[in-house]
Protein backbone atom coordinates (compact mmCIF):
# COMPACT_ATOMS: atom_id res chain seq x y z
CA MET A 1 76.86 217.83 -171.57
CA GLU A 2 75.30 215.69 -173.99
CA ASN A 3 71.83 215.62 -173.47
CA ILE A 4 71.47 215.08 -169.69
CA LYS A 5 68.12 215.63 -167.20
CA LEU A 6 68.23 214.63 -163.86
CA ARG A 7 64.84 214.51 -162.12
CA THR A 8 63.42 213.80 -158.45
CA ALA A 9 62.90 210.15 -158.22
CA THR A 10 59.22 209.07 -157.78
CA LEU A 11 57.90 205.76 -155.76
CA LYS A 12 57.17 204.61 -158.47
CA ASP A 13 61.18 204.79 -159.95
CA ILE A 14 62.12 202.29 -157.32
CA PRO A 15 62.09 199.42 -159.77
CA LYS A 16 64.23 201.36 -161.97
CA LEU A 17 66.60 201.99 -159.46
CA TRP A 18 67.22 198.54 -158.38
CA ASP A 19 67.56 197.55 -161.62
CA MET A 20 70.54 199.96 -161.98
CA ALA A 21 71.74 198.70 -158.65
CA LEU A 22 71.88 195.00 -160.12
CA SER A 23 73.32 195.75 -162.83
CA MET A 24 76.19 197.16 -161.07
CA GLY A 25 76.58 194.58 -158.98
CA ALA A 26 75.62 196.89 -155.74
CA ALA A 27 75.22 195.75 -153.30
CA LYS A 28 72.16 197.01 -151.46
CA SER A 29 70.20 196.36 -148.44
CA ASP A 30 66.28 194.84 -148.67
CA GLY A 31 64.21 198.21 -148.83
CA TYR A 32 66.73 200.64 -149.42
CA PHE A 33 65.73 202.81 -152.17
CA ASP A 34 62.16 202.73 -149.80
CA TYR A 35 64.09 204.28 -146.79
CA ALA A 36 65.41 206.53 -149.07
CA LEU A 37 62.51 207.94 -150.68
CA GLU A 38 60.90 207.88 -146.94
CA HIS A 39 63.84 210.41 -146.37
CA GLN A 40 62.76 212.35 -149.17
CA GLN A 41 59.55 213.11 -148.53
CA LYS A 42 60.05 214.67 -145.36
CA GLY A 43 62.82 216.94 -146.81
CA MET A 44 66.10 214.81 -145.19
CA ARG A 45 67.38 214.05 -148.82
CA ASP A 46 67.42 214.51 -152.76
CA VAL A 47 66.85 211.31 -155.08
CA LEU A 48 68.13 212.31 -158.11
CA ILE A 49 67.67 209.84 -161.72
CA ALA A 50 69.93 211.09 -164.35
CA SER A 51 68.85 210.37 -168.20
CA ILE A 52 70.84 210.37 -171.76
CA ASP A 53 68.15 210.65 -174.31
CA GLY A 54 65.33 209.31 -171.72
CA GLN A 55 67.43 206.45 -170.94
CA ASP A 56 68.17 205.83 -167.81
CA ALA A 57 72.06 206.37 -167.30
CA GLY A 58 72.68 206.50 -163.32
CA TYR A 59 71.05 207.75 -160.10
CA GLY A 60 72.58 209.91 -157.01
CA MET A 61 71.02 211.43 -153.51
CA LEU A 62 71.91 214.06 -151.24
CA ALA A 63 71.77 213.81 -147.92
CA TRP A 64 70.57 217.10 -145.75
CA GLU A 65 71.25 215.20 -142.70
CA PRO A 66 74.04 213.35 -143.13
CA LYS A 67 74.64 209.55 -140.97
CA TYR A 68 78.75 211.55 -140.74
CA VAL A 69 79.06 212.78 -137.90
CA PHE A 70 81.02 215.21 -138.79
CA PHE A 71 79.46 216.34 -141.42
CA ARG A 72 75.97 216.25 -139.74
CA LYS A 73 78.30 219.01 -136.64
CA MET A 74 79.24 220.79 -139.45
CA ASP A 75 75.96 221.66 -141.07
CA ILE A 76 77.56 220.05 -144.43
CA PRO A 77 75.00 217.74 -147.02
CA GLU A 78 76.76 215.25 -148.53
CA ILE A 79 76.31 213.49 -152.43
CA GLN A 80 76.13 209.65 -151.31
CA ASP A 81 75.64 207.35 -153.32
CA LEU A 82 76.61 207.91 -156.57
CA ASN A 83 76.21 205.77 -159.21
CA VAL A 84 76.63 205.93 -163.10
CA LEU A 85 75.67 202.73 -165.66
CA SER A 86 79.31 201.09 -167.09
CA ALA A 87 77.40 202.13 -171.02
CA TYR A 88 76.79 206.00 -169.93
CA ARG A 89 80.69 206.63 -168.22
CA ARG A 90 82.73 209.49 -169.20
CA ARG A 91 79.63 211.73 -170.83
CA GLY A 92 79.93 214.01 -167.99
CA ILE A 93 76.70 212.41 -165.89
CA ALA A 94 78.83 212.26 -162.64
CA THR A 95 79.74 216.01 -163.10
CA CYS A 96 76.14 216.93 -163.85
CA MET A 97 74.77 215.12 -160.78
CA ILE A 98 77.22 216.90 -159.06
CA GLU A 99 77.22 220.69 -160.52
CA HIS A 100 72.95 220.23 -159.78
CA CYS A 101 73.72 219.10 -155.85
CA GLU A 102 76.30 222.07 -155.13
CA GLU A 103 73.95 224.02 -156.41
CA LEU A 104 70.53 223.02 -154.13
CA ALA A 105 73.32 223.28 -151.44
CA ARG A 106 74.28 226.94 -152.41
CA LYS A 107 70.41 227.55 -152.72
CA ALA A 108 69.90 226.81 -148.92
CA GLY A 109 73.09 228.56 -147.41
CA LYS A 110 75.57 225.66 -147.04
CA GLU A 111 79.29 226.81 -147.06
CA TYR A 112 80.76 223.61 -147.93
CA MET A 113 78.91 220.05 -150.07
CA GLY A 114 80.29 216.66 -148.41
CA ILE A 115 81.76 213.53 -150.83
CA GLY A 116 83.03 210.21 -149.49
CA VAL A 117 85.15 208.05 -151.71
CA GLY A 118 86.28 204.33 -151.66
CA MET A 119 89.51 203.52 -151.09
CA ASP A 120 90.37 200.74 -153.40
CA SER A 121 90.97 201.12 -156.96
CA SER A 122 87.55 200.05 -157.85
CA TYR A 123 87.06 203.65 -156.25
CA GLY A 124 90.22 205.05 -158.84
CA ALA A 125 88.17 206.66 -161.70
CA ALA A 126 85.34 209.04 -158.33
CA GLN A 127 88.61 209.33 -156.71
CA GLN A 128 90.18 211.65 -160.13
CA LEU A 129 86.11 213.27 -159.88
CA TYR A 130 86.08 214.56 -156.96
CA VAL A 131 89.28 215.84 -157.32
CA ARG A 132 89.10 217.24 -159.92
CA ARG A 133 86.44 218.95 -158.81
CA GLY A 134 87.71 220.70 -156.09
CA TYR A 135 87.25 218.22 -153.40
CA ILE A 136 89.57 217.63 -150.92
CA PRO A 137 89.86 215.25 -147.63
CA ASP A 138 88.33 216.25 -144.76
CA GLY A 139 90.89 216.32 -142.63
CA ASN A 140 89.89 213.59 -140.38
CA GLY A 141 91.42 210.32 -142.21
CA LEU A 142 89.49 207.20 -143.74
CA THR A 143 86.09 206.37 -142.02
CA TYR A 144 84.29 202.76 -141.49
CA ASP A 145 80.42 202.95 -141.98
CA ARG A 146 81.25 206.44 -141.38
CA GLN A 147 82.90 206.54 -138.32
CA THR A 148 85.97 207.38 -138.09
CA ILE A 149 88.90 204.52 -137.96
CA GLN A 150 91.03 205.35 -134.92
CA ARG A 151 94.54 204.58 -135.15
CA GLY A 152 95.37 201.13 -134.88
CA ALA A 153 91.55 199.59 -135.53
CA PHE A 154 91.53 196.59 -138.75
CA HIS A 155 88.23 196.85 -140.91
CA PRO A 156 88.07 195.00 -144.06
CA ILE A 157 89.10 196.95 -146.83
CA ASP A 158 85.30 197.34 -148.74
CA ASP A 159 83.15 199.87 -150.02
CA ASP A 160 82.64 200.75 -146.54
CA VAL A 161 85.73 202.06 -145.80
CA SER A 162 85.70 206.02 -146.97
CA LEU A 163 87.90 208.91 -147.61
CA MET A 164 85.42 211.52 -146.72
CA LEU A 165 85.87 214.78 -148.62
CA ILE A 166 84.96 218.27 -148.83
CA LYS A 167 84.55 221.15 -150.84
CA SER A 168 83.76 225.09 -150.14
CA LEU A 169 80.76 226.56 -152.21
CA GLN A 170 81.41 229.93 -151.75
CA ILE A 171 82.33 231.92 -155.61
């Protein structure tokens, strides 16, 4: 992989995180990154920033206590909000972040890693990447805002519709 470096975000990185999110058109609520870094300070998540040759190229998070009930119940950490700036895509950055999160989970004694992926075509590259990386559906169907969608329910097809995936971390 190219000269990819990962670092743990700090409070001084909040403007950089916002710049990246806004440049990708990601809708984030006010205080989103402040909240994420508060959870990082409490050991509930890791917020990572990826760079290539000193240029910030993307970010992602590892939630140790995810919102998704099945993952929490099964003690499965979840990779969340994995984003790479368009100019840096297809250079191994997302793969590097995924591998790093998986290694953190292995070191913490976790048996599985979780990740959610959107269901519209804008998530096509992520859907393919996660399958190539060994992730499979968790068997609980689609979720909306990390809540299982019940048969017959109607929800908009937006960024909150996800298929939750898992991967065994056993070597």
